[in-house]
Amino acid sequence: MAVTLKVTDGVQGEWAVLRVSGELDLVTSPVLRQRVHDEVAEGRRSLVLDLSEVFFCDSSGVGVLIATRRLIRSCRGRLRLILPARGALDGSHVNRVLGALGVRRLFDVYPDVTSAVDEESSPLSA
């Protein structure tokens, strides 16, 4: 079975939205890293990563998320993650991984894209 990752992009207001689905691991994480770099190179500084359809994430995937945070902060931008309580197959795998590693608190997390792009909405607590 081939390892797959799909990244689709869109724009909502001033936010670039990357919807990620599949496995985020050593083989596929460079795809997401490149897509993030492409968005920043195009001048986008407000980025939403919708990870609700990611059903597996390993340490290299977490590394890409942390590197993305660092890149966006260096540009004085904003990064928001979509990690619903119930996403992908049986709950947000990425949410559980970030929590287990103690790094979820580094990210502004929202339940869906609508709330992530709403300037009045507050992130979920870690």
Protein backbone atom coordinates (compact mmCIF):
# COMPACT_ATOMS: atom_id res chain seq x y z
CA MET A 1 0.00 0.00 0.00
CA ALA A 2 1.44 3.37 -1.02
CA VAL A 3 1.90 6.08 1.56
CA THR A 4 -0.08 9.12 0.52
CA LEU A 5 -0.48 12.71 1.54
CA LYS A 6 -2.78 15.15 -0.20
CA VAL A 7 -2.51 18.90 0.24
CA THR A 8 -5.07 21.23 -1.31
CA ASP A 9 -5.00 24.98 -1.00
CA GLY A 10 -7.46 27.78 -0.88
CA VAL A 11 -7.87 31.30 0.41
CA GLN A 12 -10.44 32.62 2.88
CA GLY A 13 -10.11 36.35 3.35
CA GLU A 14 -6.50 37.09 4.21
CA TRP A 15 -5.87 33.48 5.25
CA ALA A 16 -4.20 30.85 3.08
CA VAL A 17 -5.73 27.48 3.92
CA LEU A 18 -3.90 24.21 3.32
CA ARG A 19 -6.11 21.15 3.77
CA VAL A 20 -3.96 18.11 4.52
CA SER A 21 -5.15 14.51 4.37
CA GLY A 22 -3.49 11.12 4.67
CA GLU A 23 -0.26 10.22 6.43
CA LEU A 24 2.21 12.85 7.62
CA ASP A 25 5.46 10.94 8.07
CA LEU A 26 9.11 10.75 7.02
CA VAL A 27 8.22 10.05 3.38
CA THR A 28 5.38 12.57 2.98
CA SER A 29 6.25 15.43 5.33
CA PRO A 30 8.58 17.13 2.79
CA VAL A 31 5.49 17.67 0.60
CA LEU A 32 3.82 19.73 3.33
CA ARG A 33 7.06 21.55 4.14
CA GLN A 34 7.39 22.60 0.47
CA ARG A 35 3.76 23.72 0.23
CA VAL A 36 4.21 25.91 3.33
CA HIS A 37 7.39 27.42 1.88
CA ASP A 38 5.54 28.07 -1.40
CA GLU A 39 2.77 29.95 0.44
CA VAL A 40 5.30 32.09 2.32
CA ALA A 41 7.26 32.74 -0.89
CA GLU A 42 4.02 34.03 -2.44
CA GLY A 43 3.76 36.56 0.39
CA ARG A 44 1.17 34.83 2.51
CA ARG A 45 1.76 35.36 6.23
CA SER A 46 -1.55 34.13 7.66
CA LEU A 47 -1.78 30.36 7.32
CA VAL A 48 -4.32 27.76 8.41
CA LEU A 49 -3.30 24.10 8.30
CA ASP A 50 -6.40 21.91 8.34
CA LEU A 51 -5.12 18.60 9.73
CA SER A 52 -8.51 17.09 10.49
CA GLU A 53 -8.09 14.44 7.79
CA VAL A 54 -4.57 13.37 8.77
CA PHE A 55 -4.87 9.85 10.17
CA PHE A 56 -1.19 9.30 11.01
CA CYS A 57 1.59 11.67 12.09
CA ASP A 58 5.09 10.70 13.22
CA SER A 59 7.96 12.77 14.61
CA SER A 60 8.97 14.06 11.19
CA GLY A 61 5.43 15.36 10.69
CA VAL A 62 5.59 17.07 14.08
CA GLY A 63 8.96 18.50 13.03
CA VAL A 64 7.37 20.05 9.94
CA LEU A 65 4.64 21.62 12.09
CA ILE A 66 7.20 23.09 14.49
CA ALA A 67 9.35 24.32 11.57
CA THR A 68 6.24 25.88 10.03
CA ARG A 69 5.54 27.68 13.30
CA ARG A 70 9.10 28.97 13.40
CA LEU A 71 8.97 30.13 9.76
CA ILE A 72 5.64 31.93 10.14
CA ARG A 73 6.77 33.61 13.37
CA SER A 74 10.00 34.78 11.68
CA CYS A 75 7.82 36.51 9.06
CA ARG A 76 5.66 38.04 11.81
CA GLY A 77 2.80 35.95 10.48
CA ARG A 78 0.05 33.87 12.04
CA LEU A 79 -0.41 30.11 12.05
CA ARG A 80 -3.56 28.28 13.08
CA LEU A 81 -4.13 24.53 13.12
CA ILE A 82 -7.42 22.69 12.69
CA LEU A 83 -7.42 19.74 15.08
CA PRO A 84 -11.01 18.72 15.83
CA ALA A 85 -11.67 16.47 18.79
CA ARG A 86 -13.12 13.93 16.36
CA GLY A 87 -11.31 14.01 13.04
CA ALA A 88 -9.82 11.56 10.55
CA LEU A 89 -10.80 8.03 11.56
CA ASP A 90 -11.38 7.87 15.30
CA GLY A 91 -10.31 11.23 16.63
CA SER A 92 -7.61 13.64 15.64
CA HIS A 93 -4.41 11.63 15.59
CA VAL A 94 -2.31 14.79 15.25
CA ASN A 95 -3.98 16.31 18.30
CA ARG A 96 -3.11 13.22 20.36
CA VAL A 97 0.49 13.14 19.10
CA LEU A 98 1.08 16.83 19.79
CA GLY A 99 -0.45 16.44 23.25
CA ALA A 100 1.64 13.36 24.07
CA LEU A 101 4.83 15.18 23.04
CA GLY A 102 3.87 18.24 25.08
CA VAL A 103 4.00 20.63 22.12
CA ARG A 104 0.31 21.22 21.44
CA ARG A 105 0.44 24.37 23.57
CA LEU A 106 2.79 25.91 20.99
CA PHE A 107 -0.04 26.16 18.46
CA ASP A 108 -3.29 28.09 18.15
CA VAL A 109 -5.78 25.28 17.59
CA TYR A 110 -9.31 25.64 16.24
CA PRO A 111 -12.08 23.08 15.65
CA ASP A 112 -12.76 24.12 12.03
CA VAL A 113 -11.67 26.50 9.28
CA THR A 114 -14.59 28.87 9.83
CA SER A 115 -13.55 29.61 13.41
CA ALA A 116 -9.83 29.71 12.48
CA VAL A 117 -10.32 32.53 9.96
CA ASP A 118 -12.71 34.46 12.23
CA GLU A 119 -10.77 37.23 13.96
CA GLU A 120 -13.27 37.21 16.84
CA SER A 121 -12.84 33.50 17.56
CA SER A 122 -10.51 32.26 20.31
CA PRO A 123 -8.33 29.16 20.05
CA LEU A 124 -9.20 26.00 21.93
CA SER A 125 -7.34 25.51 25.19
CA ALA A 126 -4.36 23.16 25.15
